[in-house]
Every structure is written in C-alpha cells, then in structure tokens.
Amino acid sequence: MLFNEQLVLIPGNIQYRPENIPALLDVLQQAGLTGAAIADSSSYRFDVGENFSELISFLGCSPGIPGSSKRDGSCIEFVFYDSGSQFLGGKNTSNPCCPECKHQFKNWQQLLQQWQDNNNTLITCPDCNHESLIPKLNWRYRAAFASCAIIINEISEGVALPADGLLEILKDLSGCDWLYFYRQV
C-alpha cells in the first residue's frame, strides 16, 4: 500500500493563522526553504528551495532529499484553515497519551468527535484525573491540531526534522513556537 509520508510543521498556538499569508510565503522563499511556486496548482505548493537542506536537518547517512515537483508528491505545501483549528492526523495516528501520566486513550476517535462537536470539551484521565483539552493530549509526533500548517512531502518519520534556524524564523513571523509531527496520508 502506497502513501505519502510527510513532515508537518504547525504553530504551537492552535488558533494561529497568519494575517498576511503572502508575507509568510515570501520570507520562507527568501530564506530558501521554498523554491518556485508550482504553476499547475491552485493551492500554495512550492518546489524545495536552495537552502532546504540547511533548514531541514536530515538524520543518518545520505537520505534522499525531495528535489522537485517533477517527481510526484515532492513539494512543500502551505495549508490555511478559515474555520479554525483542524485535526491533522493520518494513517499512522496512534493512541494519544495523558500529558501528566502517559495513560493511552484508546478511544481517541470518539474523543475527536467530541472535540469536533464542542472544541472546549475537557476530558479527564482515568488514571490520574488530570483534565485536558483534546488538542493538549500527547499525540506522540503523529498528529496535531492547527489552523495552518507547512507540509513537506516525501519525508519519512524520524528521517528529518526542522532545524533550529527554521523554527526561529517561524517564531519571529508568528510570535509563537512551532512544533512538528509526521503523518502518512
């Protein structure tokens, strides 16, 4: 079964959505994360930029770096949700944990439905009684909630992560820390 593996960067504030999207895209293109816009796309899709391998740290020996939109799927996408924060999970989403005691919530699909019905729903951990909003659970680098995201296609879990320099650029632009996770779609 084939699927696209992605490294997804999200703001730590799940409500954050840039007011000036073109300015964000321009700064990241000037930094060299992104290259040329992909012309056949109506969304915000770009080839990787000249400094991509400096802004995304690859672990291990000589991994394949996505290089061009000419290969299916290899690009950087920016997504912005007008309706507020969304659940960004994939085929690899696993049971989230309590942020206090690490209890695994095996009924996470039900919890997700509760959150979609009322995103202020607090859940209580059955082991330690800690109350948490569903987005604040530990999704173990395999899912998250966000109002915008930077999606880097063709990056397998554990192969690469955002460099500190990229996270600093994003923090300067947004005023909040940025996180990352891996997704299979």
N, C-alpha and C. Protein backbone atom coordinates (compact mmCIF):
# COMPACT_ATOMS: atom_id res chain seq x y z
N MET A 1 0.84 -1.17 0.00
CA MET A 1 0.00 0.00 0.00
C MET A 1 0.89 1.24 0.00
N LEU A 2 0.68 2.12 -0.96
CA LEU A 2 1.47 3.34 -1.05
C LEU A 2 0.77 4.48 -0.34
N PHE A 3 1.56 5.31 0.31
CA PHE A 3 1.04 6.50 0.94
C PHE A 3 2.14 7.54 0.94
N ASN A 4 1.75 8.77 1.12
CA ASN A 4 2.69 9.87 1.16
C ASN A 4 3.10 10.10 2.61
N GLU A 5 4.38 10.14 2.86
CA GLU A 5 4.89 10.43 4.19
C GLU A 5 5.25 11.91 4.25
N GLN A 6 4.89 12.54 5.35
CA GLN A 6 5.05 13.98 5.46
C GLN A 6 5.65 14.39 6.79
N LEU A 7 6.45 15.43 6.76
CA LEU A 7 6.88 16.17 7.94
C LEU A 7 5.99 17.40 7.96
N VAL A 8 5.25 17.59 9.06
CA VAL A 8 4.28 18.68 9.15
C VAL A 8 4.70 19.63 10.26
N LEU A 9 4.84 20.90 9.94
CA LEU A 9 5.18 21.94 10.91
C LEU A 9 3.93 22.73 11.23
N ILE A 10 3.69 22.96 12.52
CA ILE A 10 2.49 23.68 12.96
C ILE A 10 2.85 24.67 14.07
N PRO A 11 2.09 25.76 14.17
CA PRO A 11 2.32 26.68 15.28
C PRO A 11 1.87 26.05 16.60
N GLY A 12 2.59 26.38 17.68
CA GLY A 12 2.22 25.87 19.00
C GLY A 12 0.88 26.41 19.47
N ASN A 13 0.47 27.55 18.98
CA ASN A 13 -0.85 28.11 19.25
C ASN A 13 -1.78 27.59 18.17
N ILE A 14 -2.71 26.69 18.53
CA ILE A 14 -3.54 26.03 17.51
C ILE A 14 -4.50 26.99 16.83
N GLN A 15 -4.68 28.19 17.37
CA GLN A 15 -5.56 29.17 16.73
C GLN A 15 -4.80 30.10 15.79
N TYR A 16 -3.46 30.05 15.81
CA TYR A 16 -2.68 30.97 14.99
C TYR A 16 -2.88 30.69 13.50
N ARG A 17 -3.18 31.74 12.78
CA ARG A 17 -3.26 31.72 11.32
C ARG A 17 -2.71 33.06 10.86
N PRO A 18 -1.72 33.07 9.96
CA PRO A 18 -1.11 34.35 9.59
C PRO A 18 -2.12 35.32 8.97
N GLU A 19 -2.00 36.57 9.37
CA GLU A 19 -2.86 37.60 8.79
C GLU A 19 -2.43 37.93 7.37
N ASN A 20 -1.13 37.87 7.12
CA ASN A 20 -0.58 38.22 5.82
C ASN A 20 0.12 36.98 5.23
N ILE A 21 -0.64 36.15 4.56
CA ILE A 21 -0.11 34.90 4.00
C ILE A 21 1.00 35.16 2.98
N PRO A 22 0.84 36.10 2.04
CA PRO A 22 1.92 36.36 1.08
C PRO A 22 3.24 36.75 1.76
N ALA A 23 3.18 37.51 2.86
CA ALA A 23 4.41 37.89 3.56
C ALA A 23 5.10 36.66 4.15
N LEU A 24 4.34 35.74 4.73
CA LEU A 24 4.91 34.50 5.28
C LEU A 24 5.58 33.70 4.16
N LEU A 25 4.88 33.54 3.05
CA LEU A 25 5.43 32.77 1.93
C LEU A 25 6.70 33.43 1.39
N ASP A 26 6.70 34.75 1.32
CA ASP A 26 7.85 35.49 0.80
C ASP A 26 9.07 35.31 1.71
N VAL A 27 8.88 35.41 3.02
CA VAL A 27 10.00 35.25 3.95
C VAL A 27 10.60 33.86 3.84
N LEU A 28 9.76 32.84 3.74
CA LEU A 28 10.27 31.46 3.66
C LEU A 28 10.93 31.19 2.31
N GLN A 29 10.48 31.88 1.28
CA GLN A 29 11.15 31.75 -0.02
C GLN A 29 12.50 32.46 0.02
N GLN A 30 12.56 33.64 0.63
CA GLN A 30 13.83 34.36 0.76
C GLN A 30 14.82 33.58 1.62
N ALA A 31 14.33 32.88 2.63
CA ALA A 31 15.21 32.06 3.48
C ALA A 31 15.71 30.83 2.74
N GLY A 32 15.06 30.47 1.65
CA GLY A 32 15.49 29.32 0.85
C GLY A 32 14.82 28.02 1.21
N LEU A 33 13.76 28.06 2.02
CA LEU A 33 13.02 26.83 2.30
C LEU A 33 12.27 26.40 1.05
N THR A 34 11.63 27.37 0.42
CA THR A 34 10.84 27.06 -0.77
C THR A 34 11.50 27.65 -2.00
N GLY A 35 11.22 27.01 -3.12
CA GLY A 35 11.69 27.49 -4.41
C GLY A 35 10.52 28.05 -5.19
N ALA A 36 10.47 27.73 -6.45
CA ALA A 36 9.43 28.24 -7.34
C ALA A 36 8.07 27.66 -6.98
N ALA A 37 7.05 28.49 -7.16
CA ALA A 37 5.68 28.02 -7.00
C ALA A 37 5.37 27.00 -8.09
N ILE A 38 4.58 26.02 -7.76
CA ILE A 38 4.19 25.00 -8.73
C ILE A 38 3.00 25.55 -9.51
N ALA A 39 3.21 25.77 -10.79
CA ALA A 39 2.25 26.50 -11.62
C ALA A 39 0.93 25.78 -11.81
N ASP A 40 0.93 24.47 -11.82
CA ASP A 40 -0.30 23.73 -12.11
C ASP A 40 -1.16 23.52 -10.87
N SER A 41 -0.92 24.30 -9.84
CA SER A 41 -1.62 24.10 -8.58
C SER A 41 -2.40 25.36 -8.20
N SER A 42 -3.60 25.17 -7.70
CA SER A 42 -4.38 26.30 -7.22
C SER A 42 -4.11 26.57 -5.74
N SER A 43 -3.35 25.70 -5.10
CA SER A 43 -3.03 25.86 -3.69
C SER A 43 -1.63 26.45 -3.55
N TYR A 44 -1.18 26.57 -2.31
CA TYR A 44 0.15 27.10 -2.03
C TYR A 44 1.15 25.95 -2.04
N ARG A 45 1.65 25.59 -3.21
CA ARG A 45 2.61 24.50 -3.36
C ARG A 45 3.87 25.01 -4.02
N PHE A 46 5.02 24.57 -3.49
CA PHE A 46 6.30 25.05 -3.96
C PHE A 46 7.29 23.91 -4.08
N ASP A 47 8.25 24.07 -4.98
CA ASP A 47 9.41 23.18 -5.00
C ASP A 47 10.25 23.51 -3.77
N VAL A 48 11.15 22.61 -3.40
CA VAL A 48 12.06 22.90 -2.30
C VAL A 48 13.04 23.98 -2.76
N GLY A 49 13.49 24.79 -1.80
CA GLY A 49 14.39 25.90 -2.11
C GLY A 49 15.85 25.54 -1.98
N GLU A 50 16.70 26.50 -2.31
CA GLU A 50 18.14 26.28 -2.33
C GLU A 50 18.74 26.01 -0.96
N ASN A 51 18.10 26.46 0.11
CA ASN A 51 18.60 26.22 1.47
C ASN A 51 17.79 25.17 2.22
N PHE A 52 17.02 24.40 1.49
CA PHE A 52 16.15 23.40 2.11
C PHE A 52 16.93 22.48 3.05
N SER A 53 18.07 21.97 2.60
CA SER A 53 18.83 21.00 3.40
C SER A 53 19.52 21.65 4.60
N GLU A 54 19.55 22.97 4.66
CA GLU A 54 20.06 23.66 5.86
C GLU A 54 18.94 23.94 6.85
N LEU A 55 17.71 24.07 6.35
CA LEU A 55 16.58 24.39 7.22
C LEU A 55 15.83 23.15 7.69
N ILE A 56 16.05 22.04 7.00
CA ILE A 56 15.51 20.74 7.41
C ILE A 56 16.71 19.84 7.66
N SER A 57 16.85 19.37 8.88
CA SER A 57 18.01 18.54 9.25
C SER A 57 17.69 17.07 8.99
N PHE A 58 18.49 16.47 8.12
CA PHE A 58 18.32 15.05 7.83
C PHE A 58 19.24 14.25 8.74
N LEU A 59 18.70 13.17 9.29
CA LEU A 59 19.43 12.33 10.22
C LEU A 59 19.94 11.10 9.50
N GLY A 60 21.04 10.56 9.93
CA GLY A 60 21.57 9.35 9.30
C GLY A 60 22.43 9.69 8.09
N CYS A 61 22.63 8.69 7.25
CA CYS A 61 23.55 8.87 6.13
C CYS A 61 22.80 9.08 4.82
N SER A 62 23.14 10.14 4.14
CA SER A 62 22.71 10.46 2.77
C SER A 62 21.29 10.08 2.41
N PRO A 63 20.31 10.64 3.09
CA PRO A 63 18.93 10.33 2.71
C PRO A 63 18.57 11.00 1.40
N GLY A 64 17.53 10.50 0.77
CA GLY A 64 17.04 11.17 -0.43
C GLY A 64 16.30 12.43 -0.04
N ILE A 65 16.73 13.55 -0.58
CA ILE A 65 16.10 14.83 -0.29
C ILE A 65 15.12 15.13 -1.41
N PRO A 66 13.88 15.46 -1.05
CA PRO A 66 12.93 15.82 -2.11
C PRO A 66 13.50 16.96 -2.93
N GLY A 67 13.40 16.87 -4.24
CA GLY A 67 14.08 17.87 -5.03
C GLY A 67 13.23 18.69 -5.96
N SER A 68 12.16 18.14 -6.47
CA SER A 68 11.45 18.88 -7.49
C SER A 68 10.04 18.37 -7.62
N SER A 69 9.15 19.25 -8.01
CA SER A 69 7.76 18.85 -8.23
C SER A 69 7.62 17.94 -9.44
N LYS A 70 8.68 17.77 -10.20
CA LYS A 70 8.62 16.89 -11.36
C LYS A 70 8.44 15.44 -10.93
N ARG A 71 8.85 15.13 -9.66
CA ARG A 71 8.58 13.81 -9.09
C ARG A 71 7.28 13.93 -8.33
N ASP A 72 6.40 12.98 -8.51
CA ASP A 72 5.10 13.05 -7.86
C ASP A 72 5.24 13.27 -6.36
N GLY A 73 4.55 14.30 -5.88
CA GLY A 73 4.43 14.49 -4.45
C GLY A 73 5.52 15.29 -3.78
N SER A 74 6.69 15.42 -4.37
CA SER A 74 7.77 16.09 -3.65
C SER A 74 7.63 17.60 -3.77
N CYS A 75 7.11 18.18 -2.73
CA CYS A 75 6.94 19.62 -2.70
C CYS A 75 6.65 20.04 -1.26
N ILE A 76 6.57 21.35 -1.08
CA ILE A 76 6.20 21.92 0.20
C ILE A 76 4.85 22.58 0.00
N GLU A 77 3.91 22.25 0.86
CA GLU A 77 2.56 22.81 0.77
C GLU A 77 2.27 23.63 2.02
N PHE A 78 1.55 24.71 1.83
CA PHE A 78 1.08 25.51 2.94
C PHE A 78 -0.44 25.41 2.96
N VAL A 79 -1.01 25.07 4.11
CA VAL A 79 -2.47 24.99 4.23
C VAL A 79 -2.92 25.95 5.32
N PHE A 80 -4.05 26.61 5.05
CA PHE A 80 -4.63 27.58 5.97
C PHE A 80 -6.12 27.27 6.09
N TYR A 81 -6.60 27.12 7.31
CA TYR A 81 -7.99 26.76 7.54
C TYR A 81 -8.77 27.96 8.02
N ASP A 82 -9.77 28.37 7.26
CA ASP A 82 -10.60 29.51 7.63
C ASP A 82 -11.51 29.21 8.80
N SER A 83 -11.83 27.95 9.00
CA SER A 83 -12.80 27.57 10.03
C SER A 83 -12.16 27.25 11.38
N GLY A 84 -10.95 27.68 11.61
CA GLY A 84 -10.30 27.42 12.90
C GLY A 84 -9.47 26.16 12.86
N SER A 85 -9.03 25.73 14.03
CA SER A 85 -8.10 24.60 14.09
C SER A 85 -8.78 23.30 13.64
N GLN A 86 -7.97 22.49 12.98
CA GLN A 86 -8.40 21.21 12.44
C GLN A 86 -7.52 20.09 13.00
N PHE A 87 -8.06 18.89 13.03
CA PHE A 87 -7.28 17.71 13.41
C PHE A 87 -6.49 17.30 12.18
N LEU A 88 -5.18 17.18 12.34
CA LEU A 88 -4.30 16.78 11.24
C LEU A 88 -3.69 15.43 11.59
N GLY A 89 -4.42 14.40 11.32
CA GLY A 89 -3.94 13.05 11.57
C GLY A 89 -3.76 12.32 10.26
N GLY A 90 -3.32 11.09 10.35
CA GLY A 90 -3.11 10.29 9.16
C GLY A 90 -3.22 8.82 9.47
N LYS A 91 -2.73 8.02 8.56
CA LYS A 91 -2.80 6.56 8.73
C LYS A 91 -1.93 6.08 9.87
N ASN A 92 -0.96 6.88 10.27
CA ASN A 92 -0.06 6.48 11.35
C ASN A 92 -0.45 7.05 12.71
N THR A 93 -1.60 7.73 12.80
CA THR A 93 -2.03 8.29 14.08
C THR A 93 -2.20 7.16 15.09
N SER A 94 -1.59 7.34 16.24
CA SER A 94 -1.67 6.32 17.29
C SER A 94 -2.36 6.91 18.51
N ASN A 95 -2.60 6.06 19.50
CA ASN A 95 -3.31 6.48 20.70
C ASN A 95 -2.57 7.62 21.39
N PRO A 96 -3.26 8.76 21.61
CA PRO A 96 -2.62 9.85 22.34
C PRO A 96 -2.52 9.51 23.82
N CYS A 97 -1.64 10.22 24.51
CA CYS A 97 -1.41 9.96 25.93
C CYS A 97 -1.78 11.17 26.78
N CYS A 98 -2.10 10.90 28.03
CA CYS A 98 -2.29 11.95 29.02
C CYS A 98 -0.96 12.70 29.16
N PRO A 99 -0.98 14.03 29.16
CA PRO A 99 0.28 14.77 29.29
C PRO A 99 0.92 14.66 30.68
N GLU A 100 0.17 14.16 31.65
CA GLU A 100 0.70 14.03 33.02
C GLU A 100 1.23 12.63 33.32
N CYS A 101 0.42 11.60 33.04
CA CYS A 101 0.79 10.25 33.50
C CYS A 101 1.05 9.26 32.35
N LYS A 102 0.83 9.68 31.11
CA LYS A 102 1.08 8.86 29.92
C LYS A 102 0.03 7.77 29.68
N HIS A 103 -1.13 7.85 30.37
CA HIS A 103 -2.23 6.93 30.07
C HIS A 103 -2.59 7.06 28.59
N GLN A 104 -2.77 5.94 27.90
CA GLN A 104 -3.14 5.95 26.49
C GLN A 104 -4.65 5.98 26.34
N PHE A 105 -5.14 6.91 25.54
CA PHE A 105 -6.56 6.99 25.24
C PHE A 105 -6.83 6.19 23.97
N LYS A 106 -7.32 4.98 24.15
CA LYS A 106 -7.55 4.09 23.01
C LYS A 106 -8.82 4.46 22.25
N ASN A 107 -9.66 5.30 22.87
CA ASN A 107 -10.90 5.73 22.24
C ASN A 107 -10.75 7.11 21.61
N TRP A 108 -9.58 7.39 21.04
CA TRP A 108 -9.30 8.73 20.55
C TRP A 108 -10.22 9.16 19.42
N GLN A 109 -10.76 8.23 18.64
CA GLN A 109 -11.68 8.63 17.58
C GLN A 109 -12.97 9.20 18.18
N GLN A 110 -13.44 8.63 19.29
CA GLN A 110 -14.60 9.17 19.99
C GLN A 110 -14.28 10.54 20.58
N LEU A 111 -13.11 10.67 21.15
CA LEU A 111 -12.70 11.96 21.72
C LEU A 111 -12.63 13.02 20.63
N LEU A 112 -12.12 12.63 19.47
CA LEU A 112 -12.03 13.55 18.35
C LEU A 112 -13.43 14.03 17.94
N GLN A 113 -14.38 13.12 17.92
CA GLN A 113 -15.76 13.50 17.58
C GLN A 113 -16.32 14.47 18.61
N GLN A 114 -16.03 14.24 19.89
CA GLN A 114 -16.47 15.16 20.95
C GLN A 114 -15.87 16.54 20.72
N TRP A 115 -14.59 16.59 20.37
CA TRP A 115 -13.93 17.86 20.14
C TRP A 115 -14.54 18.58 18.94
N GLN A 116 -14.87 17.83 17.89
CA GLN A 116 -15.47 18.45 16.72
C GLN A 116 -16.86 19.01 17.03
N ASP A 117 -17.57 18.36 17.95
CA ASP A 117 -18.88 18.86 18.37
C ASP A 117 -18.76 20.08 19.27
N ASN A 118 -17.73 20.10 20.12
CA ASN A 118 -17.51 21.21 21.06
C ASN A 118 -16.03 21.24 21.38
N ASN A 119 -15.29 22.18 20.76
CA ASN A 119 -13.84 22.15 20.93
C ASN A 119 -13.35 22.67 22.28
N ASN A 120 -14.26 22.89 23.21
CA ASN A 120 -13.86 23.23 24.58
C ASN A 120 -14.06 22.05 25.53
N THR A 121 -14.34 20.88 24.98
CA THR A 121 -14.57 19.69 25.79
C THR A 121 -13.32 19.30 26.56
N LEU A 122 -13.47 19.21 27.87
CA LEU A 122 -12.37 18.71 28.72
C LEU A 122 -12.56 17.22 28.92
N ILE A 123 -11.47 16.49 28.87
CA ILE A 123 -11.53 15.07 29.20
C ILE A 123 -10.72 14.85 30.48
N THR A 124 -11.10 13.85 31.21
CA THR A 124 -10.41 13.53 32.46
C THR A 124 -9.71 12.19 32.32
N CYS A 125 -8.44 12.17 32.65
CA CYS A 125 -7.67 10.93 32.58
C CYS A 125 -8.20 9.97 33.64
N PRO A 126 -8.49 8.73 33.28
CA PRO A 126 -8.99 7.76 34.25
C PRO A 126 -7.93 7.31 35.26
N ASP A 127 -6.65 7.53 34.95
CA ASP A 127 -5.59 7.10 35.86
C ASP A 127 -5.19 8.17 36.87
N CYS A 128 -5.05 9.43 36.40
CA CYS A 128 -4.54 10.47 37.31
C CYS A 128 -5.51 11.62 37.54
N ASN A 129 -6.67 11.59 36.87
CA ASN A 129 -7.70 12.63 36.99
C ASN A 129 -7.29 13.99 36.43
N HIS A 130 -6.21 14.04 35.67
CA HIS A 130 -5.81 15.29 35.02
C HIS A 130 -6.83 15.65 33.95
N GLU A 131 -7.27 16.91 33.94
CA GLU A 131 -8.19 17.38 32.92
C GLU A 131 -7.41 18.06 31.80
N SER A 132 -7.82 17.79 30.57
CA SER A 132 -7.10 18.33 29.42
C SER A 132 -8.06 18.53 28.26
N LEU A 133 -7.77 19.54 27.46
CA LEU A 133 -8.44 19.67 26.18
C LEU A 133 -7.85 18.61 25.25
N ILE A 134 -8.64 18.11 24.35
CA ILE A 134 -8.18 17.03 23.47
C ILE A 134 -6.94 17.42 22.67
N PRO A 135 -6.84 18.66 22.12
CA PRO A 135 -5.61 19.01 21.40
C PRO A 135 -4.36 19.03 22.28
N LYS A 136 -4.54 19.12 23.60
CA LYS A 136 -3.38 19.18 24.51
C LYS A 136 -2.88 17.80 24.92
N LEU A 137 -3.53 16.73 24.45
CA LEU A 137 -3.01 15.39 24.71
C LEU A 137 -1.68 15.23 23.98
N ASN A 138 -0.89 14.27 24.40
CA ASN A 138 0.37 13.98 23.73
C ASN A 138 0.08 13.06 22.55
N TRP A 139 0.12 13.62 21.36
CA TRP A 139 -0.20 12.85 20.14
C TRP A 139 1.04 12.15 19.58
N ARG A 140 2.12 12.17 20.32
CA ARG A 140 3.33 11.39 20.07
C ARG A 140 3.92 11.59 18.67
N TYR A 141 3.97 12.84 18.24
CA TYR A 141 4.57 13.21 16.95
C TYR A 141 3.89 12.53 15.76
N ARG A 142 2.60 12.18 15.92
CA ARG A 142 1.90 11.51 14.82
C ARG A 142 0.56 12.14 14.48
N ALA A 143 0.25 13.26 15.09
CA ALA A 143 -0.97 14.02 14.79
C ALA A 143 -0.90 15.30 15.59
N ALA A 144 -1.76 16.25 15.23
CA ALA A 144 -1.83 17.52 15.95
C ALA A 144 -3.06 18.28 15.49
N PHE A 145 -3.27 19.42 16.11
CA PHE A 145 -4.35 20.33 15.76
C PHE A 145 -3.73 21.66 15.36
N ALA A 146 -4.26 22.28 14.31
CA ALA A 146 -3.70 23.56 13.87
C ALA A 146 -4.67 24.28 12.96
N SER A 147 -4.47 25.60 12.85
CA SER A 147 -5.23 26.43 11.92
C SER A 147 -4.45 26.69 10.64
N CYS A 148 -3.19 26.30 10.65
CA CYS A 148 -2.36 26.37 9.45
C CYS A 148 -1.24 25.34 9.60
N ALA A 149 -0.62 24.99 8.50
CA ALA A 149 0.45 24.00 8.55
C ALA A 149 1.36 24.14 7.34
N ILE A 150 2.60 23.75 7.54
CA ILE A 150 3.57 23.63 6.45
C ILE A 150 3.82 22.14 6.29
N ILE A 151 3.51 21.62 5.13
CA ILE A 151 3.60 20.18 4.89
C ILE A 151 4.73 19.91 3.90
N ILE A 152 5.70 19.13 4.35
CA ILE A 152 6.83 18.77 3.49
C ILE A 152 6.65 17.31 3.11
N ASN A 153 6.38 17.09 1.85
CA ASN A 153 6.09 15.75 1.35
C ASN A 153 7.36 14.93 1.17
N GLU A 154 7.18 13.62 1.18
CA GLU A 154 8.25 12.63 0.97
C GLU A 154 9.31 12.64 2.07
N ILE A 155 8.89 12.91 3.30
CA ILE A 155 9.80 12.83 4.45
C ILE A 155 9.25 11.76 5.39
N SER A 156 9.97 10.69 5.55
CA SER A 156 9.56 9.59 6.43
C SER A 156 9.79 9.95 7.89
N GLU A 157 9.01 9.33 8.75
CA GLU A 157 9.12 9.56 10.19
C GLU A 157 10.53 9.28 10.68
N GLY A 158 11.09 10.24 11.41
CA GLY A 158 12.40 10.07 12.02
C GLY A 158 13.57 10.31 11.09
N VAL A 159 13.32 10.64 9.83
CA VAL A 159 14.41 10.85 8.87
C VAL A 159 14.92 12.28 8.91
N ALA A 160 14.02 13.22 9.20
CA ALA A 160 14.39 14.63 9.20
C ALA A 160 13.53 15.38 10.21
N LEU A 161 14.04 16.54 10.60
CA LEU A 161 13.29 17.43 11.49
C LEU A 161 13.67 18.86 11.17
N PRO A 162 12.82 19.81 11.57
CA PRO A 162 13.14 21.20 11.27
C PRO A 162 14.35 21.67 12.05
N ALA A 163 15.26 22.38 11.38
CA ALA A 163 16.44 22.93 12.05
C ALA A 163 16.02 24.09 12.95
N ASP A 164 16.84 24.37 13.95
CA ASP A 164 16.55 25.47 14.87
C ASP A 164 16.37 26.78 14.12
N GLY A 165 17.16 26.99 13.08
CA GLY A 165 17.07 28.23 12.30
C GLY A 165 15.69 28.42 11.67
N LEU A 166 15.11 27.35 11.15
CA LEU A 166 13.77 27.44 10.58
C LEU A 166 12.74 27.71 11.66
N LEU A 167 12.86 27.03 12.80
CA LEU A 167 11.92 27.26 13.89
C LEU A 167 12.00 28.70 14.41
N GLU A 168 13.20 29.27 14.41
CA GLU A 168 13.36 30.68 14.82
C GLU A 168 12.71 31.62 13.83
N ILE A 169 12.86 31.37 12.54
CA ILE A 169 12.22 32.19 11.51
C ILE A 169 10.70 32.16 11.70
N LEU A 170 10.16 30.97 11.89
CA LEU A 170 8.71 30.82 12.05
C LEU A 170 8.22 31.51 13.32
N LYS A 171 9.00 31.41 14.40
CA LYS A 171 8.62 32.07 15.65
C LYS A 171 8.64 33.59 15.47
N ASP A 172 9.66 34.11 14.80
CA ASP A 172 9.73 35.55 14.55
C ASP A 172 8.53 36.04 13.74
N LEU A 173 8.09 35.23 12.79
CA LEU A 173 6.95 35.61 11.95
C LEU A 173 5.62 35.54 12.69
N SER A 174 5.49 34.56 13.57
CA SER A 174 4.19 34.27 14.17
C SER A 174 4.03 34.71 15.62
N GLY A 175 5.16 34.87 16.32
CA GLY A 175 5.09 35.20 17.73
C GLY A 175 4.85 34.00 18.63
N CYS A 176 4.90 32.80 18.06
CA CYS A 176 4.73 31.59 18.88
C CYS A 176 5.71 30.52 18.43
N ASP A 177 5.99 29.58 19.33
CA ASP A 177 6.85 28.45 18.99
C ASP A 177 6.14 27.59 17.95
N TRP A 178 6.94 26.83 17.19
CA TRP A 178 6.40 25.90 16.21
C TRP A 178 6.81 24.48 16.59
N LEU A 179 5.93 23.55 16.27
CA LEU A 179 6.12 22.13 16.57
C LEU A 179 6.11 21.36 15.25
N TYR A 180 6.36 20.07 15.34
CA TYR A 180 6.31 19.25 14.14
C TYR A 180 5.83 17.85 14.49
N PHE A 181 5.37 17.16 13.48
CA PHE A 181 4.99 15.76 13.61
C PHE A 181 5.07 15.10 12.23
N TYR A 182 4.89 13.79 12.21
CA TYR A 182 4.98 13.03 10.98
C TYR A 182 3.62 12.43 10.67
N ARG A 183 3.27 12.45 9.40
CA ARG A 183 1.95 11.96 9.00
C ARG A 183 2.07 11.12 7.73
N GLN A 184 1.25 10.11 7.67
CA GLN A 184 1.12 9.28 6.46
C GLN A 184 -0.29 9.47 5.92
N VAL A 185 -0.36 9.89 4.67
CA VAL A 185 -1.69 10.10 4.05
C VAL A 185 -1.77 9.34 2.73
